[in-house]
Amino acid sequence: MSASEFPEHQETGKNTPEDGDWHQDMTSRAVLLAQARQGDPTAIATWINQSLKTQNVTIQVRQKGELYQILVPSPSHGN
């Protein structure tokens, strides 16, 4: 969308901070997903960890040759 479609932003040619944050977030997520699809272990771990954030679980991904190891912490018992 162009600035002309949003008259309130036409003078400066800039989007609001909220629009910029949204666009930046979508761009970052698209780049992260592309890296994960290409096999980047850090990107894979970050992608999975974003989904697990609400469960307070953090995983690690390690690449061993053509295989990936996904390390998941065991549940703590009484800690």
PDB file of N, CA and C in Angstrom:
ATOM      1  N   MET A   1       0.847  -1.181   0.000  1.00  0.00           N
ATOM      2  CA  MET A   1       0.000   0.000   0.000  1.00  0.00           C
ATOM      3  C   MET A   1       0.886   1.237   0.000  1.00  0.00           C
ATOM      4  N   SER A   2       0.450   2.245  -0.676  1.00  0.00           N
ATOM      5  CA  SER A   2       1.240   3.463  -0.756  1.00  0.00           C
ATOM      6  C   SER A   2       0.750   4.479   0.263  1.00  0.00           C
ATOM      7  N   ALA A   3       1.586   5.503   0.489  1.00  0.00           N
ATOM      8  CA  ALA A   3       1.220   6.555   1.433  1.00  0.00           C
ATOM      9  C   ALA A   3      -0.034   7.284   0.979  1.00  0.00           C
ATOM     10  N   SER A   4      -0.269   7.341  -0.344  1.00  0.00           N
ATOM     11  CA  SER A   4      -1.455   8.042  -0.836  1.00  0.00           C
ATOM     12  C   SER A   4      -2.741   7.330  -0.434  1.00  0.00           C
ATOM     13  N   GLU A   5      -2.663   6.042  -0.128  1.00  0.00           N
ATOM     14  CA  GLU A   5      -3.843   5.313   0.321  1.00  0.00           C
ATOM     15  C   GLU A   5      -4.171   5.616   1.777  1.00  0.00           C
ATOM     16  N   PHE A   6      -3.220   6.230   2.479  1.00  0.00           N
ATOM     17  CA  PHE A   6      -3.414   6.610   3.871  1.00  0.00           C
ATOM     18  C   PHE A   6      -3.133   8.102   3.996  1.00  0.00           C
ATOM     19  N   PRO A   7      -4.142   8.957   3.739  1.00  0.00           N
ATOM     20  CA  PRO A   7      -3.915  10.402   3.723  1.00  0.00           C
ATOM     21  C   PRO A   7      -3.255  10.927   4.990  1.00  0.00           C
ATOM     22  N   GLU A   8      -3.539  10.320   6.134  1.00  0.00           N
ATOM     23  CA  GLU A   8      -2.960  10.823   7.379  1.00  0.00           C
ATOM     24  C   GLU A   8      -1.444  10.646   7.417  1.00  0.00           C
ATOM     25  N   HIS A   9      -0.892   9.808   6.538  1.00  0.00           N
ATOM     26  CA  HIS A   9       0.544   9.575   6.518  1.00  0.00           C
ATOM     27  C   HIS A   9       1.205  10.179   5.281  1.00  0.00           C
ATOM     28  N   GLN A  10       0.422  10.835   4.440  1.00  0.00           N
ATOM     29  CA  GLN A  10       0.927  11.298   3.160  1.00  0.00           C
ATOM     30  C   GLN A  10       1.980  12.386   3.315  1.00  0.00           C
ATOM     31  N   GLU A  11       1.835  13.267   4.297  1.00  0.00           N
ATOM     32  CA  GLU A  11       2.764  14.377   4.422  1.00  0.00           C
ATOM     33  C   GLU A  11       4.179  13.905   4.722  1.00  0.00           C
ATOM     34  N   THR A  12       4.322  12.950   5.626  1.00  0.00           N
ATOM     35  CA  THR A  12       5.653  12.507   6.003  1.00  0.00           C
ATOM     36  C   THR A  12       6.139  11.360   5.133  1.00  0.00           C
ATOM     37  N   GLY A  13       5.207  10.627   4.536  1.00  0.00           N
ATOM     38  CA  GLY A  13       5.591   9.463   3.759  1.00  0.00           C
ATOM     39  C   GLY A  13       5.971   8.277   4.614  1.00  0.00           C
ATOM     40  N   LYS A  14       5.726   8.381   5.924  1.00  0.00           N
ATOM     41  CA  LYS A  14       6.085   7.306   6.838  1.00  0.00           C
ATOM     42  C   LYS A  14       4.829   6.682   7.409  1.00  0.00           C
ATOM     43  N   ASN A  15       4.940   5.441   7.757  1.00  0.00           N
ATOM     44  CA  ASN A  15       3.854   4.766   8.452  1.00  0.00           C
ATOM     45  C   ASN A  15       3.963   5.056   9.935  1.00  0.00           C
ATOM     46  N   THR A  16       2.915   4.742  10.641  1.00  0.00           N
ATOM     47  CA  THR A  16       2.966   4.918  12.086  1.00  0.00           C
ATOM     48  C   THR A  16       3.948   3.914  12.665  1.00  0.00           C
ATOM     49  N   PRO A  17       4.438   4.121  13.900  1.00  0.00           N
ATOM     50  CA  PRO A  17       5.327   3.138  14.519  1.00  0.00           C
ATOM     51  C   PRO A  17       4.699   1.751  14.582  1.00  0.00           C
ATOM     52  N   GLU A  18       3.398   1.720  14.801  1.00  0.00           N
ATOM     53  CA  GLU A  18       2.729   0.426  14.875  1.00  0.00           C
ATOM     54  C   GLU A  18       2.803  -0.286  13.534  1.00  0.00           C
ATOM     55  N   ASP A  19       2.597   0.456  12.446  1.00  0.00           N
ATOM     56  CA  ASP A  19       2.677  -0.139  11.118  1.00  0.00           C
ATOM     57  C   ASP A  19       4.090  -0.635  10.850  1.00  0.00           C
ATOM     58  N   GLY A  20       5.081   0.155  11.223  1.00  0.00           N
ATOM     59  CA  GLY A  20       6.470  -0.236  11.023  1.00  0.00           C
ATOM     60  C   GLY A  20       6.831  -1.465  11.829  1.00  0.00           C
ATOM     61  N   ASP A  21       6.368  -1.527  13.082  1.00  0.00           N
ATOM     62  CA  ASP A  21       6.643  -2.694  13.919  1.00  0.00           C
ATOM     63  C   ASP A  21       6.018  -3.933  13.305  1.00  0.00           C
ATOM     64  N   TRP A  22       4.794  -3.806  12.821  1.00  0.00           N
ATOM     65  CA  TRP A  22       4.107  -4.940  12.213  1.00  0.00           C
ATOM     66  C   TRP A  22       4.870  -5.410  10.987  1.00  0.00           C
ATOM     67  N   HIS A  23       5.255  -4.464  10.134  1.00  0.00           N
ATOM     68  CA  HIS A  23       5.977  -4.821   8.913  1.00  0.00           C
ATOM     69  C   HIS A  23       7.316  -5.450   9.258  1.00  0.00           C
ATOM     70  N   GLN A  24       8.018  -4.869  10.216  1.00  0.00           N
ATOM     71  CA  GLN A  24       9.314  -5.418  10.626  1.00  0.00           C
ATOM     72  C   GLN A  24       9.141  -6.830  11.170  1.00  0.00           C
ATOM     73  N   ASP A  25       8.103  -7.044  11.979  1.00  0.00           N
ATOM     74  CA  ASP A  25       7.851  -8.366  12.547  1.00  0.00           C
ATOM     75  C   ASP A  25       7.558  -9.377  11.449  1.00  0.00           C
ATOM     76  N   MET A  26       6.735  -9.004  10.478  1.00  0.00           N
ATOM     77  CA  MET A  26       6.395  -9.920   9.389  1.00  0.00           C
ATOM     78  C   MET A  26       7.628 -10.220   8.538  1.00  0.00           C
ATOM     79  N   THR A  27       8.459  -9.206   8.303  1.00  0.00           N
ATOM     80  CA  THR A  27       9.676  -9.410   7.528  1.00  0.00           C
ATOM     81  C   THR A  27      10.622 -10.327   8.279  1.00  0.00           C
ATOM     82  N   SER A  28      10.798 -10.086   9.570  1.00  0.00           N
ATOM     83  CA  SER A  28      11.680 -10.914  10.381  1.00  0.00           C
ATOM     84  C   SER A  28      11.200 -12.353  10.406  1.00  0.00           C
ATOM     85  N   ARG A  29       9.895 -12.549  10.562  1.00  0.00           N
ATOM     86  CA  ARG A  29       9.340 -13.904  10.604  1.00  0.00           C
ATOM     87  C   ARG A  29       9.515 -14.605   9.260  1.00  0.00           C
ATOM     88  N   ALA A  30       9.349 -13.870   8.173  1.00  0.00           N
ATOM     89  CA  ALA A  30       9.521 -14.460   6.844  1.00  0.00           C
ATOM     90  C   ALA A  30      10.971 -14.877   6.627  1.00  0.00           C
ATOM     91  N   VAL A  31      11.904 -14.034   7.043  1.00  0.00           N
ATOM     92  CA  VAL A  31      13.327 -14.357   6.915  1.00  0.00           C
ATOM     93  C   VAL A  31      13.663 -15.557   7.791  1.00  0.00           C
ATOM     94  N   LEU A  32      13.162 -15.559   9.022  1.00  0.00           N
ATOM     95  CA  LEU A  32      13.412 -16.666   9.943  1.00  0.00           C
ATOM     96  C   LEU A  32      12.879 -17.979   9.374  1.00  0.00           C
ATOM     97  N   LEU A  33      11.671 -17.958   8.852  1.00  0.00           N
ATOM     98  CA  LEU A  33      11.083 -19.163   8.273  1.00  0.00           C
ATOM     99  C   LEU A  33      11.898 -19.645   7.072  1.00  0.00           C
ATOM    100  N   ALA A  34      12.341 -18.730   6.242  1.00  0.00           N
ATOM    101  CA  ALA A  34      13.162 -19.106   5.084  1.00  0.00           C
ATOM    102  C   ALA A  34      14.464 -19.758   5.537  1.00  0.00           C
ATOM    103  N   GLN A  35      15.087 -19.198   6.572  1.00  0.00           N
ATOM    104  CA  GLN A  35      16.325 -19.774   7.092  1.00  0.00           C
ATOM    105  C   GLN A  35      16.073 -21.155   7.692  1.00  0.00           C
ATOM    106  N   ALA A  36      14.967 -21.309   8.409  1.00  0.00           N
ATOM    107  CA  ALA A  36      14.622 -22.609   8.995  1.00  0.00           C
ATOM    108  C   ALA A  36      14.398 -23.641   7.893  1.00  0.00           C
ATOM    109  N   ARG A  37      13.712 -23.253   6.847  1.00  0.00           N
ATOM    110  CA  ARG A  37      13.463 -24.175   5.730  1.00  0.00           C
ATOM    111  C   ARG A  37      14.752 -24.576   5.020  1.00  0.00           C
ATOM    112  N   GLN A  38      15.758 -23.706   5.086  1.00  0.00           N
ATOM    113  CA  GLN A  38      17.054 -24.013   4.477  1.00  0.00           C
ATOM    114  C   GLN A  38      17.921 -24.866   5.398  1.00  0.00           C
ATOM    115  N   GLY A  39      17.432 -25.139   6.612  1.00  0.00           N
ATOM    116  CA  GLY A  39      18.146 -26.031   7.514  1.00  0.00           C
ATOM    117  C   GLY A  39      19.003 -25.368   8.563  1.00  0.00           C
ATOM    118  N   ASP A  40      18.870 -24.073   8.757  1.00  0.00           N
ATOM    119  CA  ASP A  40      19.652 -23.370   9.777  1.00  0.00           C
ATOM    120  C   ASP A  40      19.173 -23.801  11.165  1.00  0.00           C
ATOM    121  N   PRO A  41      20.025 -24.504  11.949  1.00  0.00           N
ATOM    122  CA  PRO A  41      19.594 -25.004  13.256  1.00  0.00           C
ATOM    123  C   PRO A  41      19.149 -23.898  14.217  1.00  0.00           C
ATOM    124  N   THR A  42      19.827 -22.754  14.175  1.00  0.00           N
ATOM    125  CA  THR A  42      19.440 -21.647  15.052  1.00  0.00           C
ATOM    126  C   THR A  42      18.060 -21.127  14.679  1.00  0.00           C
ATOM    127  N   ALA A  43      17.793 -21.007  13.395  1.00  0.00           N
ATOM    128  CA  ALA A  43      16.479 -20.541  12.939  1.00  0.00           C
ATOM    129  C   ALA A  43      15.395 -21.554  13.286  1.00  0.00           C
ATOM    130  N   ILE A  44      15.706 -22.844  13.141  1.00  0.00           N
ATOM    131  CA  ILE A  44      14.736 -23.884  13.495  1.00  0.00           C
ATOM    132  C   ILE A  44      14.400 -23.794  14.978  1.00  0.00           C
ATOM    133  N   ALA A  45      15.431 -23.673  15.817  1.00  0.00           N
ATOM    134  CA  ALA A  45      15.211 -23.573  17.265  1.00  0.00           C
ATOM    135  C   ALA A  45      14.410 -22.329  17.612  1.00  0.00           C
ATOM    136  N   THR A  46      14.739 -21.212  16.996  1.00  0.00           N
ATOM    137  CA  THR A  46      14.015 -19.965  17.270  1.00  0.00           C
ATOM    138  C   THR A  46      12.554 -20.103  16.879  1.00  0.00           C
ATOM    139  N   TRP A  47      12.282 -20.678  15.721  1.00  0.00           N
ATOM    140  CA  TRP A  47      10.910 -20.863  15.247  1.00  0.00           C
ATOM    141  C   TRP A  47      10.115 -21.735  16.217  1.00  0.00           C
ATOM    142  N   ILE A  48      10.696 -22.861  16.621  1.00  0.00           N
ATOM    143  CA  ILE A  48      10.010 -23.762  17.554  1.00  0.00           C
ATOM    144  C   ILE A  48       9.832 -23.090  18.911  1.00  0.00           C
ATOM    145  N   ASN A  49      10.870 -22.409  19.386  1.00  0.00           N
ATOM    146  CA  ASN A  49      10.796 -21.763  20.700  1.00  0.00           C
ATOM    147  C   ASN A  49       9.729 -20.677  20.752  1.00  0.00           C
ATOM    148  N   GLN A  50       9.480 -20.007  19.640  1.00  0.00           N
ATOM    149  CA  GLN A  50       8.408 -19.010  19.619  1.00  0.00           C
ATOM    150  C   GLN A  50       7.064 -19.673  19.896  1.00  0.00           C
ATOM    151  N   SER A  51       6.881 -20.872  19.388  1.00  0.00           N
ATOM    152  CA  SER A  51       5.627 -21.599  19.616  1.00  0.00           C
ATOM    153  C   SER A  51       5.527 -22.126  21.037  1.00  0.00           C
ATOM    154  N   LEU A  52       6.661 -22.420  21.646  1.00  0.00           N
ATOM    155  CA  LEU A  52       6.677 -23.010  22.990  1.00  0.00           C
ATOM    156  C   LEU A  52       6.781 -21.972  24.106  1.00  0.00           C
ATOM    157  N   LYS A  53       6.905 -20.707  23.739  1.00  0.00           N
ATOM    158  CA  LYS A  53       7.125 -19.649  24.725  1.00  0.00           C
ATOM    159  C   LYS A  53       6.064 -19.649  25.824  1.00  0.00           C
ATOM    160  N   THR A  54       4.809 -19.844  25.466  1.00  0.00           N
ATOM    161  CA  THR A  54       3.732 -19.792  26.464  1.00  0.00           C
ATOM    162  C   THR A  54       3.792 -20.963  27.437  1.00  0.00           C
ATOM    163  N   GLN A  55       4.533 -22.009  27.077  1.00  0.00           N
ATOM    164  CA  GLN A  55       4.660 -23.173  27.948  1.00  0.00           C
ATOM    165  C   GLN A  55       5.967 -23.152  28.736  1.00  0.00           C
ATOM    166  N   ASN A  56       6.718 -22.060  28.625  1.00  0.00           N
ATOM    167  CA  ASN A  56       8.002 -21.905  29.308  1.00  0.00           C
ATOM    168  C   ASN A  56       8.957 -23.055  29.015  1.00  0.00           C
ATOM    169  N   VAL A  57       8.995 -23.476  27.762  1.00  0.00           N
ATOM    170  CA  VAL A  57       9.897 -24.532  27.314  1.00  0.00           C
ATOM    171  C   VAL A  57      10.828 -23.928  26.269  1.00  0.00           C
ATOM    172  N   THR A  58      12.113 -24.222  26.402  1.00  0.00           N
ATOM    173  CA  THR A  58      13.096 -23.769  25.427  1.00  0.00           C
ATOM    174  C   THR A  58      13.873 -24.982  24.944  1.00  0.00           C
ATOM    175  N   ILE A  59      13.881 -25.178  23.654  1.00  0.00           N
ATOM    176  CA  ILE A  59      14.589 -26.315  23.073  1.00  0.00           C
ATOM    177  C   ILE A  59      15.879 -25.830  22.420  1.00  0.00           C
ATOM    178  N   GLN A  60      16.731 -26.779  22.094  1.00  0.00           N
ATOM    179  CA  GLN A  60      17.943 -26.500  21.331  1.00  0.00           C
ATOM    180  C   GLN A  60      17.943 -27.421  20.120  1.00  0.00           C
ATOM    181  N   VAL A  61      18.511 -26.950  19.035  1.00  0.00           N
ATOM    182  CA  VAL A  61      18.639 -27.773  17.835  1.00  0.00           C
ATOM    183  C   VAL A  61      20.117 -27.829  17.469  1.00  0.00           C
ATOM    184  N   ARG A  62      20.601 -29.050  17.278  1.00  0.00           N
ATOM    185  CA  ARG A  62      21.985 -29.266  16.857  1.00  0.00           C
ATOM    186  C   ARG A  62      21.983 -30.082  15.574  1.00  0.00           C
ATOM    187  N   GLN A  63      22.892 -29.732  14.705  1.00  0.00           N
ATOM    188  CA  GLN A  63      23.015 -30.482  13.458  1.00  0.00           C
ATOM    189  C   GLN A  63      24.206 -31.426  13.577  1.00  0.00           C
ATOM    190  N   LYS A  64      23.965 -32.689  13.296  1.00  0.00           N
ATOM    191  CA  LYS A  64      25.011 -33.716  13.291  1.00  0.00           C
ATOM    192  C   LYS A  64      25.023 -34.334  11.899  1.00  0.00           C
ATOM    193  N   GLY A  65      25.883 -33.832  11.043  1.00  0.00           N
ATOM    194  CA  GLY A  65      25.906 -34.300   9.658  1.00  0.00           C
ATOM    195  C   GLY A  65      24.617 -33.909   8.966  1.00  0.00           C
ATOM    196  N   GLU A  66      23.897 -34.912   8.476  1.00  0.00           N
ATOM    197  CA  GLU A  66      22.625 -34.653   7.803  1.00  0.00           C
ATOM    198  C   GLU A  66      21.433 -34.788   8.742  1.00  0.00           C
ATOM    199  N   LEU A  67      21.704 -35.033  10.021  1.00  0.00           N
ATOM    200  CA  LEU A  67      20.632 -35.197  11.006  1.00  0.00           C
ATOM    201  C   LEU A  67      20.572 -33.986  11.930  1.00  0.00           C
ATOM    202  N   TYR A  68      19.398 -33.775  12.484  1.00  0.00           N
ATOM    203  CA  TYR A  68      19.209 -32.721  13.473  1.00  0.00           C
ATOM    204  C   TYR A  68      18.803 -33.360  14.787  1.00  0.00           C
ATOM    205  N   GLN A  69      19.367 -32.861  15.865  1.00  0.00           N
ATOM    206  CA  GLN A  69      18.957 -33.287  17.194  1.00  0.00           C
ATOM    207  C   GLN A  69      18.165 -32.142  17.800  1.00  0.00           C
ATOM    208  N   ILE A  70      16.977 -32.455  18.271  1.00  0.00           N
ATOM    209  CA  ILE A  70      16.170 -31.461  18.979  1.00  0.00           C
ATOM    210  C   ILE A  70      16.217 -31.838  20.447  1.00  0.00           C
ATOM    211  N   LEU A  71      16.829 -30.987  21.241  1.00  0.00           N
ATOM    212  CA  LEU A  71      17.007 -31.242  22.663  1.00  0.00           C
ATOM    213  C   LEU A  71      15.908 -30.537  23.437  1.00  0.00           C
ATOM    214  N   VAL A  72      15.158 -31.327  24.171  1.00  0.00           N
ATOM    215  CA  VAL A  72      14.035 -30.813  24.955  1.00  0.00           C
ATOM    216  C   VAL A  72      14.341 -31.089  26.418  1.00  0.00           C
ATOM    217  N   PRO A  73      14.255 -30.075  27.280  1.00  0.00           N
ATOM    218  CA  PRO A  73      14.542 -30.322  28.694  1.00  0.00           C
ATOM    219  C   PRO A  73      13.498 -31.252  29.307  1.00  0.00           C
ATOM    220  N   SER A  74      13.969 -32.091  30.209  1.00  0.00           N
ATOM    221  CA  SER A  74      13.023 -32.970  30.895  1.00  0.00           C
ATOM    222  C   SER A  74      12.234 -32.143  31.896  1.00  0.00           C
ATOM    223  N   PRO A  75      11.013 -32.559  32.182  1.00  0.00           N
ATOM    224  CA  PRO A  75      10.218 -31.821  33.164  1.00  0.00           C
ATOM    225  C   PRO A  75      10.897 -31.876  34.526  1.00  0.00           C
ATOM    226  N   SER A  76      10.897 -30.757  35.220  1.00  0.00           N
ATOM    227  CA  SER A  76      11.496 -30.748  36.557  1.00  0.00           C
ATOM    228  C   SER A  76      10.484 -31.296  37.552  1.00  0.00           C
ATOM    229  N   HIS A  77      10.955 -32.131  38.421  1.00  0.00           N
ATOM    230  CA  HIS A  77      10.093 -32.755  39.424  1.00  0.00           C
ATOM    231  C   HIS A  77      10.408 -32.148  40.779  1.00  0.00           C
ATOM    232  N   GLY A  78       9.518 -31.298  41.269  1.00  0.00           N
ATOM    233  CA  GLY A  78       9.671 -30.711  42.593  1.00  0.00           C
ATOM    234  C   GLY A  78      10.677 -29.591  42.677  1.00  0.00           C
ATOM    235  N   ASN A  79      11.164 -29.090  41.562  1.00  0.00           N
ATOM    236  CA  ASN A  79      12.120 -27.974  41.601  1.00  0.00           C
ATOM    237  C   ASN A  79      11.427 -26.668  41.423  1.00  0.00           C
TER     238      ASN A  79
END
